[in-house]
Amino acid sequence: MAAALLFAGLVSGTALAFPLFILSPLPIAIAALGFGTLSGAAAAAVASALIGFAIGHLAGGLYFILFAAPVAWAAHLVGLSRPDDTAPGGRQWFPLDVVLMRVSLAVAAAVVVTGFLLGYDPEALITQTLGVLKSWLAQSEGMTPTDAEMEPLVRFNIGLMPFTSASLTLGILVLATWLGARIAKMSGLLTREWTPLWTVVLPQPAALFFGLAFVVSLLPGVPGQIAGAVAGAMGFAFALTGFGLLHAVLLGKAARPLLLFLVYAVSFIFLLPLGIMAVVGLADTALQFRARRFAARHGIS
């Protein structure tokens, strides 16, 4: 119910609407990480059903596809383990690098399904966006740009929608899972050992997935759009690991908190740092710097 209420806050249009929307998968993550997979699945189903009842069946279905089911599944993967006498605590936990990779691919699939359900049509969106911009700019004084002047920028941004949608969705899910684990840990409900998020390094096959998806995303039409969603999700995952490498490099430095704060603050405002961090994350996966340095660490981060 809490997840549904947070998601419904988006409809209010207030300043807190978007932050509440971002946090909407958090109760599902807490339920799954603190009380088990069945609790997480039940929370996902209830939240989606309530949204469908309050807002509309399509909204409930899309919330389930994009957020509820993926975050419950991510929490399930995080909680997977098996007995192992040689591992710390006597249990071997499902690797977090594989969790991040699988969730990234699941997000890409969810974005593609959502696009098909909504009838994603770039040309129609471009026409609609130009119409809205012209109406808005006509209300202001001064010269109004022509369609020919606005279209390249609008077309560029619409074309990036599969990429940006997958990136944003993955970011929301990773944040919810991490916060949910933090809350479960503070409540004494988290059974998995805790390690910092910045120690996670994507497996090398992820670089191949990203490279192939990026190349195919340059193609026009549906194949390029599907590949764009995959590249967007995987690219954001690599950006996260790029930030992780920065954490590792600054480990032990007195200015570490300030420098990390500045980097994250700039990344929230501009997109360029995210692209740089994605490249850094790719290089880290290829060189396996942190995988060698922190190979002995286990647990959730």
C-alpha atoms as a PDB file:
ATOM      1  CA  MET A   1       0.000   0.000   0.000  1.00  0.00           C
ATOM      2  CA  ALA A   2       2.868   2.378   0.809  1.00  0.00           C
ATOM      3  CA  ALA A   3       4.359   1.812  -2.658  1.00  0.00           C
ATOM      4  CA  ALA A   4       1.010   2.603  -4.285  1.00  0.00           C
ATOM      5  CA  LEU A   5       0.608   5.817  -2.261  1.00  0.00           C
ATOM      6  CA  LEU A   6       4.120   6.989  -3.157  1.00  0.00           C
ATOM      7  CA  PHE A   7       3.490   6.290  -6.847  1.00  0.00           C
ATOM      8  CA  ALA A   8       0.107   8.030  -6.716  1.00  0.00           C
ATOM      9  CA  GLY A   9       1.891  11.138  -5.462  1.00  0.00           C
ATOM     10  CA  LEU A  10       3.104  11.651  -9.034  1.00  0.00           C
ATOM     11  CA  VAL A  11      -0.440  12.572 -10.036  1.00  0.00           C
ATOM     12  CA  SER A  12      -0.527  15.460  -7.559  1.00  0.00           C
ATOM     13  CA  GLY A  13       1.936  17.523  -9.577  1.00  0.00           C
ATOM     14  CA  THR A  14       3.520  19.031  -6.449  1.00  0.00           C
ATOM     15  CA  ALA A  15       7.224  19.629  -5.863  1.00  0.00           C
ATOM     16  CA  LEU A  16       7.439  16.349  -3.929  1.00  0.00           C
ATOM     17  CA  ALA A  17       5.674  14.332  -6.637  1.00  0.00           C
ATOM     18  CA  PHE A  18       8.792  13.126  -8.455  1.00  0.00           C
ATOM     19  CA  PRO A  19      10.828  12.289  -5.308  1.00  0.00           C
ATOM     20  CA  LEU A  20       7.877  10.284  -3.979  1.00  0.00           C
ATOM     21  CA  PHE A  21       7.579   8.506  -7.320  1.00  0.00           C
ATOM     22  CA  ILE A  22      11.274   7.599  -7.237  1.00  0.00           C
ATOM     23  CA  LEU A  23      10.834   6.088  -3.763  1.00  0.00           C
ATOM     24  CA  SER A  24       7.696   4.124  -4.673  1.00  0.00           C
ATOM     25  CA  PRO A  25       9.489   0.745  -5.134  1.00  0.00           C
ATOM     26  CA  LEU A  26      11.191   1.112  -1.725  1.00  0.00           C
ATOM     27  CA  PRO A  27       8.445  -0.555   0.391  1.00  0.00           C
ATOM     28  CA  ILE A  28       8.525  -3.553  -1.957  1.00  0.00           C
ATOM     29  CA  ALA A  29      12.294  -3.834  -1.558  1.00  0.00           C
ATOM     30  CA  ILE A  30      11.992  -3.625   2.234  1.00  0.00           C
ATOM     31  CA  ALA A  31       9.343  -6.350   2.270  1.00  0.00           C
ATOM     32  CA  ALA A  32      11.391  -8.666   0.063  1.00  0.00           C
ATOM     33  CA  LEU A  33      14.756  -8.105   1.753  1.00  0.00           C
ATOM     34  CA  GLY A  34      13.404  -8.071   5.288  1.00  0.00           C
ATOM     35  CA  PHE A  35      10.692 -10.722   5.155  1.00  0.00           C
ATOM     36  CA  GLY A  36      11.479 -12.871   2.129  1.00  0.00           C
ATOM     37  CA  THR A  37      10.621 -13.374  -1.528  1.00  0.00           C
ATOM     38  CA  LEU A  38       6.946 -14.199  -0.975  1.00  0.00           C
ATOM     39  CA  SER A  39       6.444 -10.991   0.991  1.00  0.00           C
ATOM     40  CA  GLY A  40       8.122  -9.005  -1.777  1.00  0.00           C
ATOM     41  CA  ALA A  41       5.981 -10.648  -4.449  1.00  0.00           C
ATOM     42  CA  ALA A  42       2.827  -9.964  -2.434  1.00  0.00           C
ATOM     43  CA  ALA A  43       3.842  -6.323  -1.927  1.00  0.00           C
ATOM     44  CA  ALA A  44       4.481  -5.930  -5.661  1.00  0.00           C
ATOM     45  CA  ALA A  45       1.119  -7.435  -6.570  1.00  0.00           C
ATOM     46  CA  VAL A  46      -0.828  -5.391  -3.995  1.00  0.00           C
ATOM     47  CA  ALA A  47       0.867  -2.119  -4.954  1.00  0.00           C
ATOM     48  CA  SER A  48       0.202  -2.678  -8.665  1.00  0.00           C
ATOM     49  CA  ALA A  49      -3.414  -3.680  -8.014  1.00  0.00           C
ATOM     50  CA  LEU A  50      -4.045  -0.581  -5.887  1.00  0.00           C
ATOM     51  CA  ILE A  51      -2.530   1.671  -8.546  1.00  0.00           C
ATOM     52  CA  GLY A  52      -4.664  -0.041 -11.174  1.00  0.00           C
ATOM     53  CA  PHE A  53      -7.772   0.498  -9.065  1.00  0.00           C
ATOM     54  CA  ALA A  54      -7.008   4.135  -8.172  1.00  0.00           C
ATOM     55  CA  ILE A  55      -5.518   5.420 -11.434  1.00  0.00           C
ATOM     56  CA  GLY A  56      -6.257   2.908 -14.169  1.00  0.00           C
ATOM     57  CA  HIS A  57      -5.561  -0.656 -15.272  1.00  0.00           C
ATOM     58  CA  LEU A  58      -2.835   0.453 -17.683  1.00  0.00           C
ATOM     59  CA  ALA A  59      -1.035   2.441 -14.973  1.00  0.00           C
ATOM     60  CA  GLY A  60      -1.153  -0.548 -12.614  1.00  0.00           C
ATOM     61  CA  GLY A  61       0.144  -2.894 -15.279  1.00  0.00           C
ATOM     62  CA  LEU A  62       2.956  -0.571 -16.305  1.00  0.00           C
ATOM     63  CA  TYR A  63       3.989  -0.052 -12.687  1.00  0.00           C
ATOM     64  CA  PHE A  64       4.141  -3.814 -12.196  1.00  0.00           C
ATOM     65  CA  ILE A  65       6.231  -4.307 -15.344  1.00  0.00           C
ATOM     66  CA  LEU A  66       8.634  -1.399 -14.826  1.00  0.00           C
ATOM     67  CA  PHE A  67       9.089  -1.219 -11.057  1.00  0.00           C
ATOM     68  CA  ALA A  68       7.199  -3.677  -8.845  1.00  0.00           C
ATOM     69  CA  ALA A  69       8.221  -6.969 -10.446  1.00  0.00           C
ATOM     70  CA  PRO A  70      11.865  -5.964 -11.181  1.00  0.00           C
ATOM     71  CA  VAL A  71      12.559  -4.656  -7.665  1.00  0.00           C
ATOM     72  CA  ALA A  72      10.970  -7.743  -6.075  1.00  0.00           C
ATOM     73  CA  TRP A  73      13.075  -9.955  -8.359  1.00  0.00           C
ATOM     74  CA  ALA A  74      16.238  -7.963  -7.614  1.00  0.00           C
ATOM     75  CA  ALA A  75      15.647  -8.368  -3.886  1.00  0.00           C
ATOM     76  CA  HIS A  76      15.024 -12.096  -4.422  1.00  0.00           C
ATOM     77  CA  LEU A  77      18.374 -12.459  -6.196  1.00  0.00           C
ATOM     78  CA  VAL A  78      20.129 -10.515  -3.439  1.00  0.00           C
ATOM     79  CA  GLY A  79      18.686 -12.930  -0.866  1.00  0.00           C
ATOM     80  CA  LEU A  80      19.680 -16.127  -2.690  1.00  0.00           C
ATOM     81  CA  SER A  81      22.287 -18.245  -0.904  1.00  0.00           C
ATOM     82  CA  ARG A  82      23.445 -21.789  -0.311  1.00  0.00           C
ATOM     83  CA  PRO A  83      25.460 -23.465   2.441  1.00  0.00           C
ATOM     84  CA  ASP A  84      29.230 -23.222   1.995  1.00  0.00           C
ATOM     85  CA  ASP A  85      31.598 -24.034   4.846  1.00  0.00           C
ATOM     86  CA  THR A  86      34.455 -22.179   3.150  1.00  0.00           C
ATOM     87  CA  ALA A  87      32.555 -18.877   2.801  1.00  0.00           C
ATOM     88  CA  PRO A  88      32.250 -16.203   5.516  1.00  0.00           C
ATOM     89  CA  GLY A  89      29.281 -16.992   7.738  1.00  0.00           C
ATOM     90  CA  GLY A  90      28.987 -20.467   6.255  1.00  0.00           C
ATOM     91  CA  ARG A  91      26.884 -19.313   3.272  1.00  0.00           C
ATOM     92  CA  GLN A  92      27.663 -18.426  -0.331  1.00  0.00           C
ATOM     93  CA  TRP A  93      25.522 -15.545  -1.571  1.00  0.00           C
ATOM     94  CA  PHE A  94      24.443 -14.879  -5.125  1.00  0.00           C
ATOM     95  CA  PRO A  95      27.093 -12.566  -6.679  1.00  0.00           C
ATOM     96  CA  LEU A  96      26.058  -8.917  -6.717  1.00  0.00           C
ATOM     97  CA  ASP A  97      27.756  -8.286 -10.049  1.00  0.00           C
ATOM     98  CA  VAL A  98      25.501 -10.884 -11.655  1.00  0.00           C
ATOM     99  CA  VAL A  99      22.490  -9.383  -9.837  1.00  0.00           C
ATOM    100  CA  LEU A 100      23.243  -5.953 -11.348  1.00  0.00           C
ATOM    101  CA  MET A 101      23.738  -7.417 -14.811  1.00  0.00           C
ATOM    102  CA  ARG A 102      20.529  -9.467 -14.726  1.00  0.00           C
ATOM    103  CA  VAL A 103      18.464  -6.596 -13.346  1.00  0.00           C
ATOM    104  CA  SER A 104      19.853  -4.324 -16.072  1.00  0.00           C
ATOM    105  CA  LEU A 105      18.713  -6.757 -18.768  1.00  0.00           C
ATOM    106  CA  ALA A 106      15.338  -7.156 -17.041  1.00  0.00           C
ATOM    107  CA  VAL A 107      14.893  -3.367 -16.999  1.00  0.00           C
ATOM    108  CA  ALA A 108      15.700  -3.199 -20.706  1.00  0.00           C
ATOM    109  CA  ALA A 109      13.070  -5.871 -21.406  1.00  0.00           C
ATOM    110  CA  ALA A 110      10.530  -4.026 -19.239  1.00  0.00           C
ATOM    111  CA  VAL A 111      11.129  -0.750 -21.092  1.00  0.00           C
ATOM    112  CA  VAL A 112      10.708  -2.497 -24.453  1.00  0.00           C
ATOM    113  CA  VAL A 113       7.435  -4.131 -23.351  1.00  0.00           C
ATOM    114  CA  THR A 114       6.209  -0.788 -22.013  1.00  0.00           C
ATOM    115  CA  GLY A 115       7.030   0.873 -25.319  1.00  0.00           C
ATOM    116  CA  PHE A 116       4.991  -1.691 -27.228  1.00  0.00           C
ATOM    117  CA  LEU A 117       2.046  -1.371 -24.819  1.00  0.00           C
ATOM    118  CA  LEU A 118       2.064   2.423 -25.129  1.00  0.00           C
ATOM    119  CA  GLY A 119       2.514   2.340 -28.900  1.00  0.00           C
ATOM    120  CA  TYR A 120       5.858   4.167 -28.901  1.00  0.00           C
ATOM    121  CA  ASP A 121       6.022   6.110 -32.176  1.00  0.00           C
ATOM    122  CA  PRO A 122       8.944   8.567 -32.430  1.00  0.00           C
ATOM    123  CA  GLU A 123       7.507  10.497 -35.387  1.00  0.00           C
ATOM    124  CA  ALA A 124       4.153  11.025 -33.675  1.00  0.00           C
ATOM    125  CA  LEU A 125       5.915  12.107 -30.481  1.00  0.00           C
ATOM    126  CA  ILE A 126       8.057  14.570 -32.404  1.00  0.00           C
ATOM    127  CA  THR A 127       4.966  16.144 -33.981  1.00  0.00           C
ATOM    128  CA  GLN A 128       3.162  16.333 -30.634  1.00  0.00           C
ATOM    129  CA  THR A 129       6.197  17.785 -28.843  1.00  0.00           C
ATOM    130  CA  LEU A 130       6.689  20.448 -31.512  1.00  0.00           C
ATOM    131  CA  GLY A 131       3.033  21.415 -31.181  1.00  0.00           C
ATOM    132  CA  VAL A 132       3.302  21.749 -27.400  1.00  0.00           C
ATOM    133  CA  LEU A 133       6.509  23.775 -27.644  1.00  0.00           C
ATOM    134  CA  LYS A 134       5.015  26.125 -30.238  1.00  0.00           C
ATOM    135  CA  SER A 135       1.937  26.731 -28.079  1.00  0.00           C
ATOM    136  CA  TRP A 136       4.094  27.388 -25.026  1.00  0.00           C
ATOM    137  CA  LEU A 137       6.545  29.680 -26.811  1.00  0.00           C
ATOM    138  CA  ALA A 138       3.702  31.605 -28.480  1.00  0.00           C
ATOM    139  CA  GLN A 139       2.667  32.846 -25.038  1.00  0.00           C
ATOM    140  CA  SER A 140       6.023  34.526 -24.482  1.00  0.00           C
ATOM    141  CA  GLU A 141       7.243  37.728 -26.046  1.00  0.00           C
ATOM    142  CA  GLY A 142       9.865  37.758 -28.755  1.00  0.00           C
ATOM    143  CA  MET A 143      10.561  35.625 -31.785  1.00  0.00           C
ATOM    144  CA  THR A 144       9.238  32.074 -31.785  1.00  0.00           C
ATOM    145  CA  PRO A 145      11.578  29.451 -33.291  1.00  0.00           C
ATOM    146  CA  THR A 146      10.283  27.673 -36.358  1.00  0.00           C
ATOM    147  CA  ASP A 147       9.627  23.938 -36.568  1.00  0.00           C
ATOM    148  CA  ALA A 148      12.764  23.577 -38.685  1.00  0.00           C
ATOM    149  CA  GLU A 149      14.837  25.179 -35.926  1.00  0.00           C
ATOM    150  CA  MET A 150      13.341  23.144 -33.078  1.00  0.00           C
ATOM    151  CA  GLU A 151      12.982  19.778 -34.790  1.00  0.00           C
ATOM    152  CA  PRO A 152      16.647  18.618 -34.650  1.00  0.00           C
ATOM    153  CA  LEU A 153      16.811  19.013 -30.869  1.00  0.00           C
ATOM    154  CA  VAL A 154      13.359  17.487 -30.349  1.00  0.00           C
ATOM    155  CA  ARG A 155      14.167  14.582 -32.674  1.00  0.00           C
ATOM    156  CA  PHE A 156      17.440  13.954 -30.856  1.00  0.00           C
ATOM    157  CA  ASN A 157      15.772  13.817 -27.435  1.00  0.00           C
ATOM    158  CA  ILE A 158      12.881  11.637 -28.619  1.00  0.00           C
ATOM    159  CA  GLY A 159      15.347   9.282 -30.256  1.00  0.00           C
ATOM    160  CA  LEU A 160      17.163   8.914 -26.934  1.00  0.00           C
ATOM    161  CA  MET A 161      14.001   7.952 -25.041  1.00  0.00           C
ATOM    162  CA  PRO A 162      14.655   4.179 -25.033  1.00  0.00           C
ATOM    163  CA  PHE A 163      18.154   4.853 -23.698  1.00  0.00           C
ATOM    164  CA  THR A 164      17.186   7.456 -21.084  1.00  0.00           C
ATOM    165  CA  SER A 165      14.058   5.582 -19.955  1.00  0.00           C
ATOM    166  CA  ALA A 166      16.038   2.414 -19.265  1.00  0.00           C
ATOM    167  CA  SER A 167      18.775   4.371 -17.475  1.00  0.00           C
ATOM    168  CA  LEU A 168      16.308   6.207 -15.221  1.00  0.00           C
ATOM    169  CA  THR A 169      14.367   3.030 -14.427  1.00  0.00           C
ATOM    170  CA  LEU A 170      17.496   1.120 -13.468  1.00  0.00           C
ATOM    171  CA  GLY A 171      18.632   4.012 -11.292  1.00  0.00           C
ATOM    172  CA  ILE A 172      15.320   4.026  -9.426  1.00  0.00           C
ATOM    173  CA  LEU A 173      15.459   0.259  -8.862  1.00  0.00           C
ATOM    174  CA  VAL A 174      19.070   0.242  -7.670  1.00  0.00           C
ATOM    175  CA  LEU A 175      18.325   3.097  -5.266  1.00  0.00           C
ATOM    176  CA  ALA A 176      15.248   1.305  -3.912  1.00  0.00           C
ATOM    177  CA  THR A 177      17.121  -1.976  -3.437  1.00  0.00           C
ATOM    178  CA  TRP A 178      20.068  -0.283  -1.726  1.00  0.00           C
ATOM    179  CA  LEU A 179      17.866   1.804   0.579  1.00  0.00           C
ATOM    180  CA  GLY A 180      15.681  -1.209   1.300  1.00  0.00           C
ATOM    181  CA  ALA A 181      18.742  -3.223   2.288  1.00  0.00           C
ATOM    182  CA  ARG A 182      19.950  -0.382   4.505  1.00  0.00           C
ATOM    183  CA  ILE A 183      16.615  -0.170   6.297  1.00  0.00           C
ATOM    184  CA  ALA A 184      16.374  -3.950   6.654  1.00  0.00           C
ATOM    185  CA  LYS A 185      19.912  -4.009   8.065  1.00  0.00           C
ATOM    186  CA  MET A 186      19.145  -1.273  10.605  1.00  0.00           C
ATOM    187  CA  SER A 187      16.032  -3.210  11.609  1.00  0.00           C
ATOM    188  CA  GLY A 188      18.007  -6.407  12.099  1.00  0.00           C
ATOM    189  CA  LEU A 189      16.066  -8.171   9.330  1.00  0.00           C
ATOM    190  CA  LEU A 190      18.795  -8.412   6.694  1.00  0.00           C
ATOM    191  CA  THR A 191      20.434 -11.827   6.736  1.00  0.00           C
ATOM    192  CA  ARG A 192      23.062 -11.109   4.092  1.00  0.00           C
ATOM    193  CA  GLU A 193      26.469  -9.750   5.051  1.00  0.00           C
ATOM    194  CA  TRP A 194      26.944  -6.080   4.147  1.00  0.00           C
ATOM    195  CA  THR A 195      29.737  -4.744   1.940  1.00  0.00           C
ATOM    196  CA  PRO A 196      30.023  -1.360   0.213  1.00  0.00           C
ATOM    197  CA  LEU A 197      28.230  -0.901  -3.107  1.00  0.00           C
ATOM    198  CA  TRP A 198      31.367   0.469  -4.702  1.00  0.00           C
ATOM    199  CA  THR A 199      33.056  -2.957  -4.551  1.00  0.00           C
ATOM    200  CA  VAL A 200      30.702  -4.365  -7.212  1.00  0.00           C
ATOM    201  CA  VAL A 201      32.307  -4.872 -10.637  1.00  0.00           C
ATOM    202  CA  LEU A 202      30.258  -6.066 -13.602  1.00  0.00           C
ATOM    203  CA  PRO A 203      31.366  -9.367 -15.176  1.00  0.00           C
ATOM    204  CA  GLN A 204      33.227  -9.132 -18.458  1.00  0.00           C
ATOM    205  CA  PRO A 205      30.345 -10.543 -20.586  1.00  0.00           C
ATOM    206  CA  ALA A 206      28.421  -7.391 -19.649  1.00  0.00           C
ATOM    207  CA  ALA A 207      30.876  -5.337 -21.692  1.00  0.00           C
ATOM    208  CA  LEU A 208      30.124  -7.514 -24.712  1.00  0.00           C
ATOM    209  CA  PHE A 209      26.369  -7.088 -24.203  1.00  0.00           C
ATOM    210  CA  PHE A 210      26.758  -3.339 -23.969  1.00  0.00           C
ATOM    211  CA  GLY A 211      29.025  -3.111 -27.030  1.00  0.00           C
ATOM    212  CA  LEU A 212      26.686  -5.141 -29.220  1.00  0.00           C
ATOM    213  CA  ALA A 213      23.635  -3.232 -27.993  1.00  0.00           C
ATOM    214  CA  PHE A 214      25.293   0.134 -28.599  1.00  0.00           C
ATOM    215  CA  VAL A 215      26.218  -0.771 -32.167  1.00  0.00           C
ATOM    216  CA  VAL A 216      22.736  -2.110 -32.967  1.00  0.00           C
ATOM    217  CA  SER A 217      21.150   0.961 -31.343  1.00  0.00           C
ATOM    218  CA  LEU A 218      22.553   3.034 -34.213  1.00  0.00           C
ATOM    219  CA  LEU A 219      20.225   1.210 -36.607  1.00  0.00           C
ATOM    220  CA  PRO A 220      16.895   2.854 -37.455  1.00  0.00           C
ATOM    221  CA  GLY A 221      13.506   1.470 -36.463  1.00  0.00           C
ATOM    222  CA  VAL A 222      12.466  -1.089 -33.883  1.00  0.00           C
ATOM    223  CA  PRO A 223      15.789  -3.017 -33.710  1.00  0.00           C
ATOM    224  CA  GLY A 224      17.627   0.185 -32.860  1.00  0.00           C
ATOM    225  CA  GLN A 225      15.018   1.144 -30.264  1.00  0.00           C
ATOM    226  CA  ILE A 226      15.198  -2.252 -28.526  1.00  0.00           C
ATOM    227  CA  ALA A 227      18.997  -2.165 -28.550  1.00  0.00           C
ATOM    228  CA  GLY A 228      18.863   1.402 -27.221  1.00  0.00           C
ATOM    229  CA  ALA A 229      16.977   0.221 -24.140  1.00  0.00           C
ATOM    230  CA  VAL A 230      19.585  -2.494 -23.536  1.00  0.00           C
ATOM    231  CA  ALA A 231      22.452  -0.046 -24.058  1.00  0.00           C
ATOM    232  CA  GLY A 232      20.794   2.484 -21.757  1.00  0.00           C
ATOM    233  CA  ALA A 233      20.353   0.047 -18.889  1.00  0.00           C
ATOM    234  CA  MET A 234      23.793  -1.518 -19.278  1.00  0.00           C
ATOM    235  CA  GLY A 235      25.397   1.889 -19.747  1.00  0.00           C
ATOM    236  CA  PHE A 236      23.916   3.148 -16.479  1.00  0.00           C
ATOM    237  CA  ALA A 237      25.086  -0.025 -14.736  1.00  0.00           C
ATOM    238  CA  PHE A 238      28.611   0.652 -15.977  1.00  0.00           C
ATOM    239  CA  ALA A 239      28.306   4.264 -14.804  1.00  0.00           C
ATOM    240  CA  LEU A 240      27.496   2.965 -11.321  1.00  0.00           C
ATOM    241  CA  THR A 241      30.593   0.776 -11.345  1.00  0.00           C
ATOM    242  CA  GLY A 242      32.575   3.750 -12.639  1.00  0.00           C
ATOM    243  CA  PHE A 243      31.529   5.696  -9.565  1.00  0.00           C
ATOM    244  CA  GLY A 244      32.556   2.632  -7.586  1.00  0.00           C
ATOM    245  CA  LEU A 245      36.072   2.809  -9.001  1.00  0.00           C
ATOM    246  CA  LEU A 246      36.230   6.455  -7.943  1.00  0.00           C
ATOM    247  CA  HIS A 247      35.281   5.384  -4.416  1.00  0.00           C
ATOM    248  CA  ALA A 248      38.096   2.811  -4.492  1.00  0.00           C
ATOM    249  CA  VAL A 249      40.700   5.257  -5.783  1.00  0.00           C
ATOM    250  CA  LEU A 250      39.806   7.823  -3.106  1.00  0.00           C
ATOM    251  CA  LEU A 251      39.741   5.255  -0.289  1.00  0.00           C
ATOM    252  CA  GLY A 252      41.692   6.574   2.686  1.00  0.00           C
ATOM    253  CA  LYS A 253      41.912  10.144   1.332  1.00  0.00           C
ATOM    254  CA  ALA A 254      40.902  12.923   3.717  1.00  0.00           C
ATOM    255  CA  ALA A 255      39.049  14.820   0.974  1.00  0.00           C
ATOM    256  CA  ARG A 256      37.135  11.714  -0.143  1.00  0.00           C
ATOM    257  CA  PRO A 257      33.670  12.737   1.178  1.00  0.00           C
ATOM    258  CA  LEU A 258      33.887  16.234  -0.318  1.00  0.00           C
ATOM    259  CA  LEU A 259      35.162  15.043  -3.699  1.00  0.00           C
ATOM    260  CA  LEU A 260      32.510  12.333  -3.938  1.00  0.00           C
ATOM    261  CA  PHE A 261      29.794  14.825  -3.015  1.00  0.00           C
ATOM    262  CA  LEU A 262      30.940  17.224  -5.737  1.00  0.00           C
ATOM    263  CA  VAL A 263      31.106  14.485  -8.372  1.00  0.00           C
ATOM    264  CA  TYR A 264      27.617  13.190  -7.525  1.00  0.00           C
ATOM    265  CA  ALA A 265      26.195  16.723  -7.399  1.00  0.00           C
ATOM    266  CA  VAL A 266      27.571  17.551 -10.854  1.00  0.00           C
ATOM    267  CA  SER A 267      26.298  14.216 -12.192  1.00  0.00           C
ATOM    268  CA  PHE A 268      22.751  15.057 -11.078  1.00  0.00           C
ATOM    269  CA  ILE A 269      22.878  18.302 -13.074  1.00  0.00           C
ATOM    270  CA  PHE A 270      24.811  17.294 -16.188  1.00  0.00           C
ATOM    271  CA  LEU A 271      24.788  14.077 -18.217  1.00  0.00           C
ATOM    272  CA  LEU A 272      28.433  14.217 -19.304  1.00  0.00           C
ATOM    273  CA  PRO A 273      29.846  12.861 -16.002  1.00  0.00           C
ATOM    274  CA  LEU A 274      27.554   9.833 -16.314  1.00  0.00           C
ATOM    275  CA  GLY A 275      28.977   9.103 -19.756  1.00  0.00           C
ATOM    276  CA  ILE A 276      32.513   9.476 -18.449  1.00  0.00           C
ATOM    277  CA  MET A 277      31.777   7.151 -15.533  1.00  0.00           C
ATOM    278  CA  ALA A 278      30.263   4.580 -17.895  1.00  0.00           C
ATOM    279  CA  VAL A 279      33.534   4.544 -19.848  1.00  0.00           C
ATOM    280  CA  VAL A 280      35.453   4.247 -16.569  1.00  0.00           C
ATOM    281  CA  GLY A 281      33.229   1.363 -15.526  1.00  0.00           C
ATOM    282  CA  LEU A 282      33.838  -0.392 -18.838  1.00  0.00           C
ATOM    283  CA  ALA A 283      37.591   0.011 -18.398  1.00  0.00           C
ATOM    284  CA  ASP A 284      37.357  -1.288 -14.836  1.00  0.00           C
ATOM    285  CA  THR A 285      35.510  -4.389 -16.035  1.00  0.00           C
ATOM    286  CA  ALA A 286      38.155  -4.985 -18.696  1.00  0.00           C
ATOM    287  CA  LEU A 287      41.099  -4.497 -16.312  1.00  0.00           C
ATOM    288  CA  GLN A 288      39.371  -6.083 -13.273  1.00  0.00           C
ATOM    289  CA  PHE A 289      41.082  -3.638 -10.892  1.00  0.00           C
ATOM    290  CA  ARG A 290      38.598  -3.881  -8.017  1.00  0.00           C
ATOM    291  CA  ALA A 291      37.835  -7.539  -8.683  1.00  0.00           C
ATOM    292  CA  ARG A 292      41.471  -8.281  -7.830  1.00  0.00           C
ATOM    293  CA  ARG A 293      41.748  -5.812  -4.946  1.00  0.00           C
ATOM    294  CA  PHE A 294      38.484  -6.744  -3.204  1.00  0.00           C
ATOM    295  CA  ALA A 295      38.185 -10.398  -4.223  1.00  0.00           C
ATOM    296  CA  ALA A 296      37.932 -11.520  -0.609  1.00  0.00           C
ATOM    297  CA  ARG A 297      34.853  -9.407   0.155  1.00  0.00           C
ATOM    298  CA  HIS A 298      31.360 -10.877   0.087  1.00  0.00           C
ATOM    299  CA  GLY A 299      27.840  -9.725   0.824  1.00  0.00           C
ATOM    300  CA  ILE A 300      25.323  -7.112  -0.085  1.00  0.00           C
ATOM    301  CA  SER A 301      26.420  -3.568  -0.898  1.00  0.00           C
END
